[in-house]
N, C-alpha and C. Protein backbone atom coordinates (compact mmCIF):
# COMPACT_ATOMS: atom_id res chain seq x y z
N UNK A 1 99.77 133.70 129.39
CA UNK A 1 99.43 132.54 129.54
C UNK A 1 100.53 131.76 129.49
N UNK A 2 100.84 130.65 130.64
CA UNK A 2 101.90 130.13 130.41
C UNK A 2 101.53 128.54 129.83
N UNK A 3 102.65 127.71 129.09
CA UNK A 3 102.00 126.99 128.53
C UNK A 3 101.72 125.45 129.38
N UNK A 4 101.38 124.54 129.09
CA UNK A 4 100.65 123.39 129.59
C UNK A 4 101.16 122.17 129.18
N UNK A 5 101.92 121.32 129.76
CA UNK A 5 102.39 120.06 129.82
C UNK A 5 100.72 119.07 129.04
N UNK A 6 101.22 118.14 128.04
CA UNK A 6 100.22 117.40 127.46
C UNK A 6 101.35 116.98 126.55
N UNK A 7 100.61 115.35 126.42
CA UNK A 7 101.42 114.34 126.10
C UNK A 7 100.10 113.57 125.10
N UNK A 8 100.19 112.69 123.91
CA UNK A 8 99.49 112.50 123.41
C UNK A 8 99.67 110.65 123.93
N UNK A 9 98.51 110.99 124.10
CA UNK A 9 97.98 109.28 124.75
C UNK A 9 98.58 107.77 124.51
N UNK A 10 98.53 108.43 123.03
CA UNK A 10 99.02 106.45 122.85
C UNK A 10 100.80 106.32 122.72
N UNK A 11 101.60 107.42 122.92
CA UNK A 11 102.46 107.14 122.80
C UNK A 11 102.91 106.83 124.41
N UNK A 12 102.10 106.93 125.15
CA UNK A 12 102.66 106.52 126.64
C UNK A 12 101.90 104.83 126.32
N UNK A 13 100.20 104.32 126.08
CA UNK A 13 100.00 103.43 126.05
C UNK A 13 98.55 103.36 125.50
N UNK A 14 98.21 102.20 124.78
CA UNK A 14 96.66 101.98 123.80
C UNK A 14 95.68 101.57 125.31
N UNK A 15 96.03 101.44 126.32
CA UNK A 15 95.59 101.49 127.40
C UNK A 15 94.96 102.72 128.30
N UNK A 16 93.86 103.40 127.75
CA UNK A 16 93.82 104.48 127.71
C UNK A 16 93.41 105.31 129.11
N UNK A 17 93.32 104.49 129.86
CA UNK A 17 92.93 104.81 131.19
C UNK A 17 94.34 104.89 132.09
N UNK A 18 94.95 103.76 131.57
CA UNK A 18 96.68 103.67 132.13
C UNK A 18 97.06 105.19 131.49
N UNK A 19 97.35 105.29 130.70
CA UNK A 19 97.74 106.80 129.81
C UNK A 19 97.11 107.94 130.56
N UNK A 20 96.23 108.14 130.83
CA UNK A 20 95.67 109.09 131.30
C UNK A 20 96.20 109.10 132.66
N UNK A 21 96.36 108.25 133.49
CA UNK A 21 97.18 107.95 135.14
C UNK A 21 98.46 108.28 135.32
N UNK A 22 98.81 107.98 134.03
CA UNK A 22 100.32 108.08 133.79
C UNK A 22 100.62 109.61 133.86
N UNK A 23 99.80 110.23 132.67
CA UNK A 23 99.96 111.66 132.40
C UNK A 23 99.85 112.40 133.81
N UNK A 24 98.74 111.87 134.57
CA UNK A 24 99.04 112.59 135.69
C UNK A 24 99.57 112.78 136.89
N UNK A 25 100.32 111.71 137.13
CA UNK A 25 101.38 110.85 137.48
C UNK A 25 102.78 112.10 137.06
N UNK A 26 103.06 112.35 135.97
CA UNK A 26 103.94 113.07 135.24
C UNK A 26 103.64 114.51 135.25
N UNK A 27 102.51 114.94 136.13
CA UNK A 27 102.49 116.38 136.07
C UNK A 27 101.22 117.20 134.67
N UNK A 28 101.23 116.43 133.71
CA UNK A 28 100.41 116.86 132.90
C UNK A 28 98.87 117.28 133.17
N UNK A 29 98.70 118.03 131.95
CA UNK A 29 97.40 119.28 132.52
C UNK A 29 96.45 118.63 131.06
N UNK A 30 97.01 118.14 130.32
CA UNK A 30 96.64 117.89 129.22
C UNK A 30 96.66 116.61 128.26
N UNK A 31 95.58 116.58 127.27
CA UNK A 31 95.87 115.19 126.56
C UNK A 31 95.67 115.38 125.08
N UNK A 32 96.21 114.91 124.32
CA UNK A 32 96.10 114.76 122.71
C UNK A 32 95.65 113.82 122.50
N UNK A 33 94.66 113.20 121.94
CA UNK A 33 93.60 112.02 121.54
C UNK A 33 94.11 111.91 119.98
N UNK A 34 94.96 110.72 119.43
CA UNK A 34 94.85 110.48 118.10
C UNK A 34 94.47 108.62 118.46
N UNK A 35 94.85 107.97 119.46
CA UNK A 35 94.65 106.67 119.39
C UNK A 35 94.57 105.91 120.69
N UNK A 36 93.43 105.69 120.59
CA UNK A 36 92.41 104.65 122.07
C UNK A 36 92.02 103.87 121.91
N UNK A 37 92.74 102.85 122.83
CA UNK A 37 91.74 101.54 122.66
C UNK A 37 92.36 100.46 121.21
N UNK A 38 93.51 101.08 120.51
CA UNK A 38 93.84 100.03 119.32
C UNK A 38 92.97 101.10 118.08
N UNK A 39 92.55 101.78 118.23
CA UNK A 39 91.97 102.79 117.40
C UNK A 39 91.85 104.07 116.88
N UNK A 40 92.33 104.57 115.73
CA UNK A 40 92.58 105.77 115.67
C UNK A 40 91.08 106.73 115.76
N UNK A 41 90.85 107.87 116.53
CA UNK A 41 90.20 108.43 117.14
C UNK A 41 88.88 109.04 116.78
N UNK A 42 89.12 109.58 114.91
CA UNK A 42 88.23 108.85 113.87
C UNK A 42 87.46 107.85 113.85
N UNK A 43 87.94 106.87 113.84
CA UNK A 43 86.79 105.36 113.88
C UNK A 43 86.13 105.25 115.08
N UNK A 44 86.30 105.55 116.32
CA UNK A 44 85.65 105.47 117.55
C UNK A 44 84.03 105.84 117.32
N UNK A 45 83.07 105.09 117.41
CA UNK A 45 81.88 105.66 118.24
C UNK A 45 81.37 106.08 118.96
N UNK A 46 80.48 107.25 118.62
CA UNK A 46 80.38 108.37 119.07
C UNK A 46 80.51 108.09 121.17
N UNK A 47 79.67 106.48 121.02
CA UNK A 47 79.81 106.27 122.44
C UNK A 47 81.15 106.05 123.15
N UNK A 48 81.97 105.86 122.74
CA UNK A 48 83.54 105.50 123.10
C UNK A 48 84.22 107.22 123.21
N UNK A 49 83.74 107.56 122.00
CA UNK A 49 84.47 109.38 121.91
C UNK A 49 83.97 109.65 123.59
N UNK A 50 82.80 109.68 123.64
CA UNK A 50 81.83 109.88 125.00
C UNK A 50 82.49 109.52 126.58
N UNK A 51 82.74 108.03 126.01
CA UNK A 51 83.22 108.04 127.68
C UNK A 51 84.61 107.91 127.36
N UNK A 52 85.72 108.55 126.76
CA UNK A 52 87.23 109.37 126.59
C UNK A 52 86.88 110.33 127.36
N UNK A 53 86.42 111.17 126.57
CA UNK A 53 85.86 112.44 127.54
C UNK A 53 85.26 112.24 128.77
N UNK A 54 84.56 111.69 129.06
CA UNK A 54 84.66 111.26 130.71
C UNK A 54 85.50 111.01 131.20
N UNK A 55 86.45 110.09 130.78
CA UNK A 55 87.61 109.82 132.06
C UNK A 55 88.54 111.12 131.48
N UNK A 56 88.61 111.64 130.49
CA UNK A 56 89.22 112.64 130.49
C UNK A 56 89.33 113.22 131.54
N UNK A 57 88.24 113.78 131.93
CA UNK A 57 87.42 114.58 133.36
C UNK A 57 87.98 113.70 134.35
N UNK A 58 87.58 112.76 134.80
CA UNK A 58 87.60 111.94 135.42
C UNK A 58 89.08 112.36 136.67
N UNK A 59 90.54 112.15 135.21
CA UNK A 59 91.56 111.98 135.47
C UNK A 59 92.02 113.92 135.89
N UNK A 60 90.96 114.74 135.95
CA UNK A 60 91.24 116.14 136.24
C UNK A 60 92.17 116.56 134.74
N UNK A 61 91.89 116.39 133.98
CA UNK A 61 93.05 116.85 132.26
C UNK A 61 91.62 117.82 131.54
N UNK A 62 92.41 118.10 130.43
CA UNK A 62 91.65 118.56 129.32
C UNK A 62 92.01 118.33 128.07
N UNK A 63 91.27 117.85 127.27
CA UNK A 63 91.70 117.93 125.75
C UNK A 63 92.00 119.06 125.26
N UNK A 64 93.69 119.07 124.54
CA UNK A 64 94.03 119.96 124.01
C UNK A 64 94.17 120.14 122.74
N UNK A 65 94.26 118.78 122.15
CA UNK A 65 94.24 118.84 120.68
C UNK A 65 93.69 117.07 120.20
N UNK A 66 92.97 116.97 119.05
CA UNK A 66 92.78 116.21 118.51
C UNK A 66 93.57 115.26 117.13
N UNK A 67 94.21 114.50 117.23
CA UNK A 67 95.18 114.41 115.86
C UNK A 67 94.52 112.88 115.24
N UNK A 68 93.66 113.78 114.18
CA UNK A 68 93.05 112.84 113.42
C UNK A 68 93.64 113.23 111.99
N UNK A 69 93.64 111.95 111.28
CA UNK A 69 93.92 111.59 110.22
C UNK A 69 93.54 112.44 109.08
N UNK A 70 93.02 113.35 109.55
CA UNK A 70 92.46 114.42 108.05
C UNK A 70 93.50 115.01 107.84
N UNK A 71 92.91 115.05 106.29
CA UNK A 71 94.10 115.30 105.32
C UNK A 71 95.35 114.52 104.97
N UNK A 72 95.84 112.99 105.54
CA UNK A 72 97.02 111.85 105.64
C UNK A 72 96.09 111.80 104.33
N UNK A 73 97.22 111.21 103.43
CA UNK A 73 97.12 110.04 102.19
C UNK A 73 98.18 109.40 102.50
N UNK A 74 97.73 107.96 101.72
CA UNK A 74 98.97 107.17 101.65
C UNK A 74 99.48 107.65 99.98
N UNK A 75 100.59 107.46 99.95
CA UNK A 75 101.46 107.38 98.66
C UNK A 75 100.91 106.63 97.62
N UNK A 76 100.92 106.78 96.26
CA UNK A 76 101.06 105.53 95.42
C UNK A 76 101.47 104.78 95.22
N UNK A 77 101.19 103.48 94.96
CA UNK A 77 102.66 102.57 95.23
C UNK A 77 103.21 102.41 94.22
N UNK A 78 103.60 103.44 93.33
CA UNK A 78 104.20 103.78 92.03
C UNK A 78 105.14 104.91 92.26
N UNK A 79 104.90 105.57 93.32
CA UNK A 79 105.47 106.97 93.85
C UNK A 79 107.30 106.82 93.89
N UNK A 80 108.00 107.12 92.78
CA UNK A 80 109.20 107.32 92.68
C UNK A 80 109.94 108.97 93.08
N UNK A 81 111.26 108.29 93.82
CA UNK A 81 111.95 109.71 93.77
C UNK A 81 113.28 110.01 92.45
N UNK A 82 112.64 111.18 91.43
CA UNK A 82 113.32 111.26 90.56
C UNK A 82 113.93 112.60 91.04
N UNK A 83 115.30 112.93 90.40
CA UNK A 83 115.42 114.24 89.93
C UNK A 83 115.52 115.38 91.26
N UNK A 84 116.24 114.43 92.64
CA UNK A 84 115.69 114.81 94.10
C UNK A 84 114.34 115.77 94.66
N UNK A 85 113.15 115.09 93.15
CA UNK A 85 111.94 115.79 93.60
C UNK A 85 110.97 114.44 93.46
N UNK A 86 109.92 114.44 94.28
CA UNK A 86 108.92 113.40 94.75
C UNK A 86 108.17 113.71 93.12
N UNK A 87 108.10 112.59 92.78
CA UNK A 87 107.46 112.20 91.53
C UNK A 87 106.09 111.28 91.64
N UNK A 88 105.01 111.21 92.01
CA UNK A 88 103.81 110.31 92.00
C UNK A 88 103.64 109.72 90.65
N UNK A 89 103.58 108.56 89.89
CA UNK A 89 102.86 107.81 88.95
C UNK A 89 101.25 107.61 89.39
N UNK A 90 100.67 108.31 88.91
CA UNK A 90 99.07 108.24 89.18
C UNK A 90 98.54 107.37 87.93
């Protein structure tokens, strides 16, 4: 199965429709969704997720990945580097 070109939409623009149009013009067939309309995909209400999927389909694209913040954590503010290894002070 050949690989299909896809792009993270917010790397093009936070204007989701502009990003989709640009991807099609570049020959992409799939999109990766991370941030749409200035918000993380995980923070969008269901209605906006449905709108996004409709727009993806209208532009002849498919979603290849959801780049959610799952398992991402901020380092504790007192995290320091010591002896060439990270030591977090919790």
